[in-house]
């Protein structure tokens, strides 16, 4: 139950992270920033110490990586109940054709090629 809830939260965080990255404006998008305008001489650069969107993106990215690690650990630690290779059945011996079904004739191996003689 916990695994399924974590998968849903993981999906929501991933979609929110994609949305936050796509709606942010790049640092080079402001024309005044390239000429030193807009308070670019501050300690943290022209963007300041970070606004709500950059902090939210950082929190979402951290959650994304933490949930990825948790899900990976949960998946790796679970053992399969039955190994699929252990349940293979050996096919039975083929039975000779009986009744109205004609038997297939064997052809020599030399005539099985597509190369003309």
PDB file of N, CA and C in Angstrom:
ATOM      1  N   UNK A   1       0.825  -1.194   0.000  1.00  0.00           N
ATOM      2  CA  UNK A   1       0.000   0.000   0.000  1.00  0.00           C
ATOM      3  C   UNK A   1       0.869   1.258   0.000  1.00  0.00           C
ATOM      4  N   UNK A   2       1.923   1.227   0.813  1.00  0.00           N
ATOM      5  CA  UNK A   2       2.817   2.385   0.901  1.00  0.00           C
ATOM      6  C   UNK A   2       3.531   2.623  -0.423  1.00  0.00           C
ATOM      7  N   UNK A   3       3.876   1.538  -1.110  1.00  0.00           N
ATOM      8  CA  UNK A   3       4.570   1.629  -2.391  1.00  0.00           C
ATOM      9  C   UNK A   3       3.718   2.350  -3.428  1.00  0.00           C
ATOM     10  N   UNK A   4       2.435   2.013  -3.499  1.00  0.00           N
ATOM     11  CA  UNK A   4       1.540   2.631  -4.480  1.00  0.00           C
ATOM     12  C   UNK A   4       1.349   4.123  -4.195  1.00  0.00           C
ATOM     13  N   UNK A   5       1.223   4.478  -2.925  1.00  0.00           N
ATOM     14  CA  UNK A   5       1.080   5.893  -2.547  1.00  0.00           C
ATOM     15  C   UNK A   5       2.346   6.656  -2.913  1.00  0.00           C
ATOM     16  N   UNK A   6       3.486   6.041  -2.681  1.00  0.00           N
ATOM     17  CA  UNK A   6       4.756   6.685  -3.007  1.00  0.00           C
ATOM     18  C   UNK A   6       4.917   6.867  -4.512  1.00  0.00           C
ATOM     19  N   UNK A   7       4.426   5.926  -5.295  1.00  0.00           N
ATOM     20  CA  UNK A   7       4.474   6.064  -6.756  1.00  0.00           C
ATOM     21  C   UNK A   7       3.623   7.255  -7.203  1.00  0.00           C
ATOM     22  N   UNK A   8       2.437   7.419  -6.613  1.00  0.00           N
ATOM     23  CA  UNK A   8       1.557   8.533  -6.976  1.00  0.00           C
ATOM     24  C   UNK A   8       2.197   9.867  -6.584  1.00  0.00           C
ATOM     25  N   UNK A   9       2.771   9.939  -5.391  1.00  0.00           N
ATOM     26  CA  UNK A   9       3.449  11.165  -4.947  1.00  0.00           C
ATOM     27  C   UNK A   9       4.635  11.463  -5.857  1.00  0.00           C
ATOM     28  N   UNK A  10       5.349  10.430  -6.244  1.00  0.00           N
ATOM     29  CA  UNK A  10       6.494  10.577  -7.148  1.00  0.00           C
ATOM     30  C   UNK A  10       6.058  11.170  -8.486  1.00  0.00           C
ATOM     31  N   UNK A  11       4.949  10.692  -9.018  1.00  0.00           N
ATOM     32  CA  UNK A  11       4.431  11.197 -10.281  1.00  0.00           C
ATOM     33  C   UNK A  11       4.018  12.664 -10.158  1.00  0.00           C
ATOM     34  N   UNK A  12       3.360  13.017  -9.069  1.00  0.00           N
ATOM     35  CA  UNK A  12       2.923  14.400  -8.859  1.00  0.00           C
ATOM     36  C   UNK A  12       4.126  15.324  -8.717  1.00  0.00           C
ATOM     37  N   UNK A  13       5.139  14.898  -7.962  1.00  0.00           N
ATOM     38  CA  UNK A  13       6.340  15.716  -7.784  1.00  0.00           C
ATOM     39  C   UNK A  13       7.062  15.893  -9.116  1.00  0.00           C
ATOM     40  N   UNK A  14       7.134  14.822  -9.922  1.00  0.00           N
ATOM     41  CA  UNK A  14       7.807  14.913 -11.217  1.00  0.00           C
ATOM     42  C   UNK A  14       7.085  15.891 -12.140  1.00  0.00           C
ATOM     43  N   UNK A  15       5.770  15.824 -12.199  1.00  0.00           N
ATOM     44  CA  UNK A  15       5.017  16.740 -13.050  1.00  0.00           C
ATOM     45  C   UNK A  15       5.128  18.182 -12.558  1.00  0.00           C
ATOM     46  N   UNK A  16       5.092  18.370 -11.237  1.00  0.00           N
ATOM     47  CA  UNK A  16       5.238  19.719 -10.684  1.00  0.00           C
ATOM     48  C   UNK A  16       6.635  20.276 -10.965  1.00  0.00           C
ATOM     49  N   UNK A  17       7.638  19.434 -10.883  1.00  0.00           N
ATOM     50  CA  UNK A  17       9.011  19.865 -11.167  1.00  0.00           C
ATOM     51  C   UNK A  17       9.161  20.262 -12.633  1.00  0.00           C
ATOM     52  N   UNK A  18       8.583  19.478 -13.521  1.00  0.00           N
ATOM     53  CA  UNK A  18       8.627  19.826 -14.948  1.00  0.00           C
ATOM     54  C   UNK A  18       7.935  21.167 -15.184  1.00  0.00           C
ATOM     55  N   UNK A  19       6.778  21.350 -14.582  1.00  0.00           N
ATOM     56  CA  UNK A  19       6.049  22.611 -14.730  1.00  0.00           C
ATOM     57  C   UNK A  19       6.812  23.800 -14.195  1.00  0.00           C
ATOM     58  N   UNK A  20       7.438  23.642 -13.032  1.00  0.00           N
ATOM     59  CA  UNK A  20       8.188  24.762 -12.448  1.00  0.00           C
ATOM     60  C   UNK A  20       9.399  25.129 -13.293  1.00  0.00           C
ATOM     61  N   UNK A  21      10.062  24.142 -13.848  1.00  0.00           N
ATOM     62  CA  UNK A  21      11.229  24.439 -14.684  1.00  0.00           C
ATOM     63  C   UNK A  21      10.795  25.136 -15.967  1.00  0.00           C
ATOM     64  N   UNK A  22       9.681  24.710 -16.538  1.00  0.00           N
ATOM     65  CA  UNK A  22       9.244  25.292 -17.806  1.00  0.00           C
ATOM     66  C   UNK A  22       8.727  26.719 -17.677  1.00  0.00           C
ATOM     67  N   UNK A  23       8.154  27.093 -16.543  1.00  0.00           N
ATOM     68  CA  UNK A  23       7.602  28.443 -16.429  1.00  0.00           C
ATOM     69  C   UNK A  23       8.607  29.467 -15.918  1.00  0.00           C
ATOM     70  N   UNK A  24       9.811  29.027 -15.552  1.00  0.00           N
ATOM     71  CA  UNK A  24      10.799  29.984 -15.064  1.00  0.00           C
ATOM     72  C   UNK A  24      11.447  30.724 -16.223  1.00  0.00           C
ATOM     73  N   UNK A  25      11.822  31.960 -15.943  1.00  0.00           N
ATOM     74  CA  UNK A  25      12.500  32.783 -16.932  1.00  0.00           C
ATOM     75  C   UNK A  25      14.003  32.616 -16.739  1.00  0.00           C
ATOM     76  N   UNK A  26      14.716  32.461 -17.836  1.00  0.00           N
ATOM     77  CA  UNK A  26      16.153  32.280 -17.759  1.00  0.00           C
ATOM     78  C   UNK A  26      16.854  33.537 -17.285  1.00  0.00           C
ATOM     79  N   UNK A  27      18.098  33.378 -16.755  1.00  0.00           N
ATOM     80  CA  UNK A  27      18.844  34.541 -16.272  1.00  0.00           C
ATOM     81  C   UNK A  27      19.257  35.451 -17.411  1.00  0.00           C
ATOM     82  N   UNK A  28      19.524  34.901 -18.581  1.00  0.00           N
ATOM     83  CA  UNK A  28      19.962  35.707 -19.706  1.00  0.00           C
ATOM     84  C   UNK A  28      18.800  36.310 -20.473  1.00  0.00           C
ATOM     85  N   UNK A  29      17.574  36.088 -20.056  1.00  0.00           N
ATOM     86  CA  UNK A  29      16.420  36.578 -20.793  1.00  0.00           C
ATOM     87  C   UNK A  29      16.203  38.070 -20.592  1.00  0.00           C
ATOM     88  N   UNK A  30      16.779  38.641 -19.554  1.00  0.00           N
ATOM     89  CA  UNK A  30      16.605  40.068 -19.275  1.00  0.00           C
ATOM     90  C   UNK A  30      17.705  40.845 -19.995  1.00  0.00           C
ATOM     91  N   UNK A  31      17.341  41.755 -20.852  1.00  0.00           N
ATOM     92  CA  UNK A  31      18.330  42.490 -21.640  1.00  0.00           C
ATOM     93  C   UNK A  31      19.180  43.403 -20.759  1.00  0.00           C
ATOM     94  N   UNK A  32      18.609  43.946 -19.739  1.00  0.00           N
ATOM     95  CA  UNK A  32      19.355  44.849 -18.862  1.00  0.00           C
ATOM     96  C   UNK A  32      20.406  44.128 -18.042  1.00  0.00           C
ATOM     97  N   UNK A  33      20.215  42.854 -17.768  1.00  0.00           N
ATOM     98  CA  UNK A  33      21.175  42.114 -16.966  1.00  0.00           C
ATOM     99  C   UNK A  33      22.493  41.922 -17.699  1.00  0.00           C
ATOM    100  N   UNK A  34      22.447  41.879 -19.025  1.00  0.00           N
ATOM    101  CA  UNK A  34      23.689  41.677 -19.775  1.00  0.00           C
ATOM    102  C   UNK A  34      24.548  42.933 -19.801  1.00  0.00           C
ATOM    103  N   UNK A  35      23.955  44.113 -19.558  1.00  0.00           N
ATOM    104  CA  UNK A  35      24.711  45.355 -19.547  1.00  0.00           C
ATOM    105  C   UNK A  35      24.985  45.857 -18.134  1.00  0.00           C
ATOM    106  N   UNK A  36      24.769  45.005 -17.131  1.00  0.00           N
ATOM    107  CA  UNK A  36      25.079  45.383 -15.770  1.00  0.00           C
ATOM    108  C   UNK A  36      23.951  46.087 -15.050  1.00  0.00           C
ATOM    109  N   UNK A  37      22.802  46.194 -15.656  1.00  0.00           N
ATOM    110  CA  UNK A  37      21.678  46.849 -14.995  1.00  0.00           C
ATOM    111  C   UNK A  37      20.917  45.890 -14.104  1.00  0.00           C
ATOM    112  N   UNK A  38      19.993  46.398 -13.367  1.00  0.00           N
ATOM    113  CA  UNK A  38      19.130  45.551 -12.535  1.00  0.00           C
ATOM    114  C   UNK A  38      19.783  45.058 -11.271  1.00  0.00           C
ATOM    115  N   UNK A  39      20.738  45.795 -10.744  1.00  0.00           N
ATOM    116  CA  UNK A  39      21.345  45.398  -9.468  1.00  0.00           C
ATOM    117  C   UNK A  39      22.229  44.181  -9.591  1.00  0.00           C
ATOM    118  N   UNK A  40      23.007  44.103 -10.646  1.00  0.00           N
ATOM    119  CA  UNK A  40      23.846  42.920 -10.846  1.00  0.00           C
ATOM    120  C   UNK A  40      25.086  42.923  -9.961  1.00  0.00           C
ATOM    121  N   UNK A  41      25.314  44.002  -9.205  1.00  0.00           N
ATOM    122  CA  UNK A  41      26.490  44.073  -8.344  1.00  0.00           C
ATOM    123  C   UNK A  41      26.202  43.584  -6.932  1.00  0.00           C
ATOM    124  N   UNK A  42      25.101  42.898  -6.730  1.00  0.00           N
ATOM    125  CA  UNK A  42      24.789  42.389  -5.403  1.00  0.00           C
ATOM    126  C   UNK A  42      25.602  41.139  -5.123  1.00  0.00           C
ATOM    127  N   UNK A  43      25.560  40.676  -3.886  1.00  0.00           N
ATOM    128  CA  UNK A  43      26.344  39.512  -3.481  1.00  0.00           C
ATOM    129  C   UNK A  43      25.902  38.253  -4.212  1.00  0.00           C
ATOM    130  N   UNK A  44      24.598  38.093  -4.397  1.00  0.00           N
ATOM    131  CA  UNK A  44      24.070  36.866  -4.992  1.00  0.00           C
ATOM    132  C   UNK A  44      23.863  36.986  -6.496  1.00  0.00           C
ATOM    133  N   UNK A  45      24.280  38.056  -7.129  1.00  0.00           N
ATOM    134  CA  UNK A  45      24.080  38.239  -8.559  1.00  0.00           C
ATOM    135  C   UNK A  45      22.797  38.997  -8.816  1.00  0.00           C
ATOM    136  N   UNK A  46      22.446  39.123 -10.099  1.00  0.00           N
ATOM    137  CA  UNK A  46      21.284  39.932 -10.449  1.00  0.00           C
ATOM    138  C   UNK A  46      19.976  39.271 -10.050  1.00  0.00           C
ATOM    139  N   UNK A  47      19.990  37.959  -9.828  1.00  0.00           N
ATOM    140  CA  UNK A  47      18.764  37.255  -9.443  1.00  0.00           C
ATOM    141  C   UNK A  47      18.466  37.353  -7.966  1.00  0.00           C
ATOM    142  N   UNK A  48      19.365  37.872  -7.190  1.00  0.00           N
ATOM    143  CA  UNK A  48      19.155  37.932  -5.747  1.00  0.00           C
ATOM    144  C   UNK A  48      19.421  36.574  -5.120  1.00  0.00           C
ATOM    145  N   UNK A  49      18.943  36.393  -3.916  1.00  0.00           N
ATOM    146  CA  UNK A  49      19.192  35.141  -3.208  1.00  0.00           C
ATOM    147  C   UNK A  49      18.244  34.036  -3.637  1.00  0.00           C
ATOM    148  N   UNK A  50      17.324  34.330  -4.509  1.00  0.00           N
ATOM    149  CA  UNK A  50      16.398  33.310  -4.988  1.00  0.00           C
ATOM    150  C   UNK A  50      14.983  33.665  -4.601  1.00  0.00           C
ATOM    151  N   UNK A  51      14.096  33.570  -5.551  1.00  0.00           N
ATOM    152  CA  UNK A  51      12.710  33.886  -5.254  1.00  0.00           C
ATOM    153  C   UNK A  51      11.925  32.613  -4.965  1.00  0.00           C
ATOM    154  N   UNK A  52      10.638  32.744  -4.884  1.00  0.00           N
ATOM    155  CA  UNK A  52       9.764  31.620  -4.546  1.00  0.00           C
ATOM    156  C   UNK A  52       9.886  30.481  -5.554  1.00  0.00           C
ATOM    157  N   UNK A  53       9.989  30.825  -6.827  1.00  0.00           N
ATOM    158  CA  UNK A  53      10.007  29.784  -7.858  1.00  0.00           C
ATOM    159  C   UNK A  53      11.291  28.967  -7.822  1.00  0.00           C
ATOM    160  N   UNK A  54      12.422  29.615  -7.609  1.00  0.00           N
ATOM    161  CA  UNK A  54      13.674  28.861  -7.563  1.00  0.00           C
ATOM    162  C   UNK A  54      13.758  27.998  -6.312  1.00  0.00           C
ATOM    163  N   UNK A  55      13.249  28.493  -5.209  1.00  0.00           N
ATOM    164  CA  UNK A  55      13.252  27.687  -3.985  1.00  0.00           C
ATOM    165  C   UNK A  55      12.299  26.502  -4.107  1.00  0.00           C
ATOM    166  N   UNK A  56      11.143  26.724  -4.718  1.00  0.00           N
ATOM    167  CA  UNK A  56      10.190  25.631  -4.923  1.00  0.00           C
ATOM    168  C   UNK A  56      10.785  24.577  -5.849  1.00  0.00           C
ATOM    169  N   UNK A  57      11.488  25.015  -6.884  1.00  0.00           N
ATOM    170  CA  UNK A  57      12.135  24.071  -7.796  1.00  0.00           C
ATOM    171  C   UNK A  57      13.188  23.250  -7.070  1.00  0.00           C
ATOM    172  N   UNK A  58      13.943  23.888  -6.201  1.00  0.00           N
ATOM    173  CA  UNK A  58      14.968  23.166  -5.442  1.00  0.00           C
ATOM    174  C   UNK A  58      14.343  22.145  -4.502  1.00  0.00           C
ATOM    175  N   UNK A  59      13.245  22.507  -3.851  1.00  0.00           N
ATOM    176  CA  UNK A  59      12.561  21.575  -2.943  1.00  0.00           C
ATOM    177  C   UNK A  59      11.980  20.401  -3.726  1.00  0.00           C
ATOM    178  N   UNK A  60      11.361  20.698  -4.876  1.00  0.00           N
ATOM    179  CA  UNK A  60      10.786  19.628  -5.696  1.00  0.00           C
ATOM    180  C   UNK A  60      11.874  18.702  -6.236  1.00  0.00           C
ATOM    181  N   UNK A  61      13.013  19.261  -6.632  1.00  0.00           N
ATOM    182  CA  UNK A  61      14.109  18.430  -7.129  1.00  0.00           C
ATOM    183  C   UNK A  61      14.654  17.534  -6.022  1.00  0.00           C
ATOM    184  N   UNK A  62      14.771  18.076  -4.813  1.00  0.00           N
ATOM    185  CA  UNK A  62      15.231  17.277  -3.683  1.00  0.00           C
ATOM    186  C   UNK A  62      14.253  16.154  -3.375  1.00  0.00           C
ATOM    187  N   UNK A  63      12.959  16.467  -3.358  1.00  0.00           N
ATOM    188  CA  UNK A  63      11.942  15.429  -3.139  1.00  0.00           C
ATOM    189  C   UNK A  63      11.985  14.369  -4.231  1.00  0.00           C
ATOM    190  N   UNK A  64      12.170  14.800  -5.473  1.00  0.00           N
ATOM    191  CA  UNK A  64      12.228  13.868  -6.595  1.00  0.00           C
ATOM    192  C   UNK A  64      13.364  12.868  -6.406  1.00  0.00           C
ATOM    193  N   UNK A  65      14.549  13.353  -6.050  1.00  0.00           N
ATOM    194  CA  UNK A  65      15.687  12.452  -5.880  1.00  0.00           C
ATOM    195  C   UNK A  65      15.536  11.570  -4.642  1.00  0.00           C
ATOM    196  N   UNK A  66      15.001  12.103  -3.564  1.00  0.00           N
ATOM    197  CA  UNK A  66      14.799  11.286  -2.365  1.00  0.00           C
ATOM    198  C   UNK A  66      13.785  10.169  -2.610  1.00  0.00           C
ATOM    199  N   UNK A  67      12.684  10.504  -3.253  1.00  0.00           N
ATOM    200  CA  UNK A  67      11.675   9.484  -3.537  1.00  0.00           C
ATOM    201  C   UNK A  67      12.227   8.462  -4.530  1.00  0.00           C
ATOM    202  N   UNK A  68      13.059   8.911  -5.479  1.00  0.00           N
ATOM    203  CA  UNK A  68      13.691   7.971  -6.412  1.00  0.00           C
ATOM    204  C   UNK A  68      14.553   6.961  -5.665  1.00  0.00           C
ATOM    205  N   UNK A  69      15.335   7.452  -4.717  1.00  0.00           N
ATOM    206  CA  UNK A  69      16.186   6.551  -3.939  1.00  0.00           C
ATOM    207  C   UNK A  69      15.362   5.589  -3.093  1.00  0.00           C
ATOM    208  N   UNK A  70      14.290   6.088  -2.480  1.00  0.00           N
ATOM    209  CA  UNK A  70      13.439   5.237  -1.645  1.00  0.00           C
ATOM    210  C   UNK A  70      12.765   4.158  -2.492  1.00  0.00           C
ATOM    211  N   UNK A  71      12.217   4.553  -3.641  1.00  0.00           N
ATOM    212  CA  UNK A  71      11.555   3.580  -4.519  1.00  0.00           C
ATOM    213  C   UNK A  71      12.551   2.559  -5.061  1.00  0.00           C
ATOM    214  N   UNK A  72      13.734   3.005  -5.420  1.00  0.00           N
ATOM    215  CA  UNK A  72      14.751   2.072  -5.894  1.00  0.00           C
ATOM    216  C   UNK A  72      15.164   1.086  -4.832  1.00  0.00           C
ATOM    217  N   UNK A  73      15.291   1.557  -3.598  1.00  0.00           N
ATOM    218  CA  UNK A  73      15.645   0.675  -2.495  1.00  0.00           C
ATOM    219  C   UNK A  73      14.525  -0.314  -2.212  1.00  0.00           C
ATOM    220  N   UNK A  74      13.282   0.148  -2.251  1.00  0.00           N
ATOM    221  CA  UNK A  74      12.148  -0.744  -1.999  1.00  0.00           C
ATOM    222  C   UNK A  74      12.030  -1.802  -3.091  1.00  0.00           C
ATOM    223  N   UNK A  75      12.273  -1.412  -4.326  1.00  0.00           N
ATOM    224  CA  UNK A  75      12.169  -2.357  -5.439  1.00  0.00           C
ATOM    225  C   UNK A  75      13.289  -3.386  -5.388  1.00  0.00           C
ATOM    226  N   UNK A  76      14.487  -2.960  -5.042  1.00  0.00           N
ATOM    227  CA  UNK A  76      15.622  -3.877  -5.003  1.00  0.00           C
ATOM    228  C   UNK A  76      15.530  -4.851  -3.838  1.00  0.00           C
ATOM    229  N   UNK A  77      14.901  -4.450  -2.752  1.00  0.00           N
ATOM    230  CA  UNK A  77      14.857  -5.314  -1.575  1.00  0.00           C
ATOM    231  C   UNK A  77      13.733  -6.337  -1.625  1.00  0.00           C
ATOM    232  N   UNK A  78      12.763  -6.161  -2.506  1.00  0.00           N
ATOM    233  CA  UNK A  78      11.685  -7.146  -2.602  1.00  0.00           C
ATOM    234  C   UNK A  78      12.147  -8.324  -3.438  1.00  0.00           C
ATOM    235  N   UNK A  79      11.825  -9.520  -2.976  1.00  0.00           N
ATOM    236  CA  UNK A  79      12.174 -10.727  -3.707  1.00  0.00           C
ATOM    237  C   UNK A  79      10.938 -11.250  -4.417  1.00  0.00           C
ATOM    238  N   UNK A  80      11.142 -11.802  -5.580  1.00  0.00           N
ATOM    239  CA  UNK A  80      10.015 -12.381  -6.297  1.00  0.00           C
ATOM    240  C   UNK A  80       9.613 -13.677  -5.612  1.00  0.00           C
ATOM    241  N   UNK A  81       8.315 -13.905  -5.559  1.00  0.00           N
ATOM    242  CA  UNK A  81       7.818 -15.115  -4.900  1.00  0.00           C
ATOM    243  C   UNK A  81       8.234 -16.364  -5.665  1.00  0.00           C
ATOM    244  N   UNK A  82       8.177 -16.308  -6.982  1.00  0.00           N
ATOM    245  CA  UNK A  82       8.526 -17.466  -7.802  1.00  0.00           C
ATOM    246  C   UNK A  82       9.455 -17.000  -8.910  1.00  0.00           C
ATOM    247  N   UNK A  83      10.545 -17.704  -9.070  1.00  0.00           N
ATOM    248  CA  UNK A  83      11.444 -17.393 -10.166  1.00  0.00           C
ATOM    249  C   UNK A  83      10.829 -17.917 -11.457  1.00  0.00           C
ATOM    250  N   UNK A  84      10.722 -17.050 -12.460  1.00  0.00           N
ATOM    251  CA  UNK A  84      10.045 -17.440 -13.694  1.00  0.00           C
ATOM    252  C   UNK A  84      10.783 -18.531 -14.437  1.00  0.00           C
ATOM    253  N   UNK A  85      12.080 -18.629 -14.292  1.00  0.00           N
ATOM    254  CA  UNK A  85      12.837 -19.650 -15.003  1.00  0.00           C
ATOM    255  C   UNK A  85      12.698 -21.019 -14.341  1.00  0.00           C
ATOM    256  N   UNK A  86      12.253 -21.057 -13.107  1.00  0.00           N
ATOM    257  CA  UNK A  86      12.082 -22.338 -12.422  1.00  0.00           C
ATOM    258  C   UNK A  86      10.776 -23.025 -12.784  1.00  0.00           C
ATOM    259  N   UNK A  87       9.832 -22.296 -13.356  1.00  0.00           N
ATOM    260  CA  UNK A  87       8.522 -22.848 -13.666  1.00  0.00           C
ATOM    261  C   UNK A  87       8.380 -23.284 -15.121  1.00  0.00           C
ATOM    262  N   UNK A  88       9.466 -23.357 -15.850  1.00  0.00           N
ATOM    263  CA  UNK A  88       9.374 -23.758 -17.242  1.00  0.00           C
ATOM    264  C   UNK A  88       9.021 -25.241 -17.332  1.00  0.00           C
ATOM    265  N   UNK A  89       8.086 -25.555 -18.217  1.00  0.00           N
ATOM    266  CA  UNK A  89       7.685 -26.944 -18.398  1.00  0.00           C
ATOM    267  C   UNK A  89       8.377 -27.505 -19.622  1.00  0.00           C
ATOM    268  N   UNK A  90       8.778 -28.781 -19.521  1.00  0.00           N
ATOM    269  CA  UNK A  90       9.389 -29.457 -20.652  1.00  0.00           C
ATOM    270  C   UNK A  90       8.268 -29.924 -21.563  1.00  0.00           C
ATOM    271  N   UNK A  91       8.337 -29.592 -22.857  1.00  0.00           N
ATOM    272  CA  UNK A  91       7.258 -30.020 -23.745  1.00  0.00           C
ATOM    273  C   UNK A  91       7.248 -31.533 -23.897  1.00  0.00           C
ATOM    274  N   UNK A  92       6.065 -32.068 -24.085  1.00  0.00           N
ATOM    275  CA  UNK A  92       5.911 -33.510 -24.257  1.00  0.00           C
ATOM    276  C   UNK A  92       6.455 -33.931 -25.609  1.00  0.00           C
ATOM    277  N   UNK A  93       6.771 -35.213 -25.744  1.00  0.00           N
ATOM    278  CA  UNK A  93       7.245 -35.751 -27.013  1.00  0.00           C
ATOM    279  C   UNK A  93       6.157 -35.605 -28.059  1.00  0.00           C
ATOM    280  N   UNK A  94       6.522 -35.226 -29.279  1.00  0.00           N
ATOM    281  CA  UNK A  94       5.496 -35.099 -30.321  1.00  0.00           C
ATOM    282  C   UNK A  94       4.897 -36.462 -30.662  1.00  0.00           C
ATOM    283  N   UNK A  95       3.597 -36.494 -30.808  1.00  0.00           N
ATOM    284  CA  UNK A  95       2.884 -37.727 -31.142  1.00  0.00           C
ATOM    285  C   UNK A  95       2.788 -37.863 -32.660  1.00  0.00           C
ATOM    286  N   UNK A  96       2.870 -39.053 -33.160  1.00  0.00           N
ATOM    287  CA  UNK A  96       2.718 -39.217 -34.611  1.00  0.00           C
ATOM    288  C   UNK A  96       1.305 -38.864 -35.043  1.00  0.00           C
ATOM    289  N   UNK A  97       1.208 -38.335 -36.258  1.00  0.00           N
ATOM    290  CA  UNK A  97      -0.088 -37.925 -36.790  1.00  0.00           C
ATOM    291  C   UNK A  97      -0.958 -39.151 -37.025  1.00  0.00           C
ATOM    292  N   UNK A  98      -2.196 -39.040 -36.596  1.00  0.00           N
ATOM    293  CA  UNK A  98      -3.147 -40.133 -36.809  1.00  0.00           C
ATOM    294  C   UNK A  98      -4.396 -39.579 -37.462  1.00  0.00           C
ATOM    295  N   UNK A  99      -5.129 -40.425 -38.141  1.00  0.00           N
ATOM    296  CA  UNK A  99      -6.396 -39.996 -38.716  1.00  0.00           C
ATOM    297  C   UNK A  99      -6.210 -39.319 -40.050  1.00  0.00           C
ATOM    298  N   UNK A 100      -6.936 -38.218 -40.265  1.00  0.00           N
ATOM    299  CA  UNK A 100      -6.972 -37.541 -41.552  1.00  0.00           C
ATOM    300  C   UNK A 100      -5.837 -36.540 -41.748  1.00  0.00           C
ATOM    301  N   UNK A 101      -4.981 -36.371 -40.759  1.00  0.00           N
ATOM    302  CA  UNK A 101      -3.908 -35.389 -40.870  1.00  0.00           C
ATOM    303  C   UNK A 101      -2.731 -36.034 -41.582  1.00  0.00           C
ATOM    304  N   UNK A 102      -2.328 -35.504 -42.762  1.00  0.00           N
ATOM    305  CA  UNK A 102      -1.191 -36.115 -43.474  1.00  0.00           C
ATOM    306  C   UNK A 102       0.129 -35.745 -42.799  1.00  0.00           C
ATOM    307  N   UNK A 103       1.056 -36.673 -42.812  1.00  0.00           N
ATOM    308  CA  UNK A 103       2.370 -36.426 -42.242  1.00  0.00           C
ATOM    309  C   UNK A 103       3.177 -35.561 -43.183  1.00  0.00           C
ATOM    310  N   UNK A 104       4.002 -34.680 -42.643  1.00  0.00           N
ATOM    311  CA  UNK A 104       4.817 -33.800 -43.459  1.00  0.00           C
ATOM    312  C   UNK A 104       6.059 -34.558 -43.906  1.00  0.00           C
ATOM    313  N   UNK A 105       6.356 -34.445 -45.204  1.00  0.00           N
ATOM    314  CA  UNK A 105       7.515 -35.141 -45.741  1.00  0.00           C
ATOM    315  C   UNK A 105       8.773 -34.357 -45.426  1.00  0.00           C
ATOM    316  N   UNK A 106       9.843 -35.080 -45.123  1.00  0.00           N
ATOM    317  CA  UNK A 106      11.114 -34.421 -44.871  1.00  0.00           C
ATOM    318  C   UNK A 106      11.796 -34.136 -46.187  1.00  0.00           C
ATOM    319  N   UNK A 107      12.414 -32.972 -46.306  1.00  0.00           N
ATOM    320  CA  UNK A 107      13.138 -32.598 -47.513  1.00  0.00           C
ATOM    321  C   UNK A 107      14.620 -32.581 -47.206  1.00  0.00           C
ATOM    322  N   UNK A 108      15.439 -32.869 -48.185  1.00  0.00           N
ATOM    323  CA  UNK A 108      16.893 -32.833 -47.933  1.00  0.00           C
ATOM    324  C   UNK A 108      17.347 -31.415 -47.576  1.00  0.00           C
ATOM    325  N   UNK A 109      18.405 -31.321 -46.817  1.00  0.00           N
ATOM    326  CA  UNK A 109      18.906 -30.032 -46.352  1.00  0.00           C
ATOM    327  C   UNK A 109      19.441 -29.179 -47.496  1.00  0.00           C
ATOM    328  N   UNK A 110      19.883 -29.798 -48.592  1.00  0.00           N
ATOM    329  CA  UNK A 110      20.464 -29.045 -49.704  1.00  0.00           C
ATOM    330  C   UNK A 110      19.416 -28.217 -50.428  1.00  0.00           C
ATOM    331  N   UNK A 111      18.146 -28.599 -50.404  1.00  0.00           N
ATOM    332  CA  UNK A 111      17.113 -27.861 -51.122  1.00  0.00           C
ATOM    333  C   UNK A 111      16.453 -26.794 -50.263  1.00  0.00           C
ATOM    334  N   UNK A 112      16.947 -26.609 -49.054  1.00  0.00           N
ATOM    335  CA  UNK A 112      16.335 -25.607 -48.161  1.00  0.00           C
ATOM    336  C   UNK A 112      16.854 -24.196 -48.423  1.00  0.00           C
ATOM    337  N   UNK A 113      17.774 -24.016 -49.348  1.00  0.00           N
ATOM    338  CA  UNK A 113      18.339 -22.692 -49.587  1.00  0.00           C
ATOM    339  C   UNK A 113      17.578 -21.987 -50.707  1.00  0.00           C
ATOM    340  N   UNK A 114      17.739 -20.680 -50.760  1.00  0.00           N
ATOM    341  CA  UNK A 114      17.113 -19.872 -51.799  1.00  0.00           C
ATOM    342  C   UNK A 114      18.061 -19.642 -52.975  1.00  0.00           C
ATOM    343  N   UNK A 115      19.268 -20.164 -52.913  1.00  0.00           N
ATOM    344  CA  UNK A 115      20.248 -19.948 -53.965  1.00  0.00           C
ATOM    345  C   UNK A 115      19.983 -20.922 -55.099  1.00  0.00           C
ATOM    346  N   UNK A 116      19.817 -20.408 -56.328  1.00  0.00           N
ATOM    347  CA  UNK A 116      19.561 -21.336 -57.443  1.00  0.00           C
ATOM    348  C   UNK A 116      20.821 -22.124 -57.815  1.00  0.00           C
ATOM    349  N   UNK A 117      20.630 -23.328 -58.308  1.00  0.00           N
ATOM    350  CA  UNK A 117      21.768 -24.189 -58.697  1.00  0.00           C
ATOM    351  C   UNK A 117      22.226 -23.888 -60.092  1.00  0.00           C
TER     352      UNK A 117
END
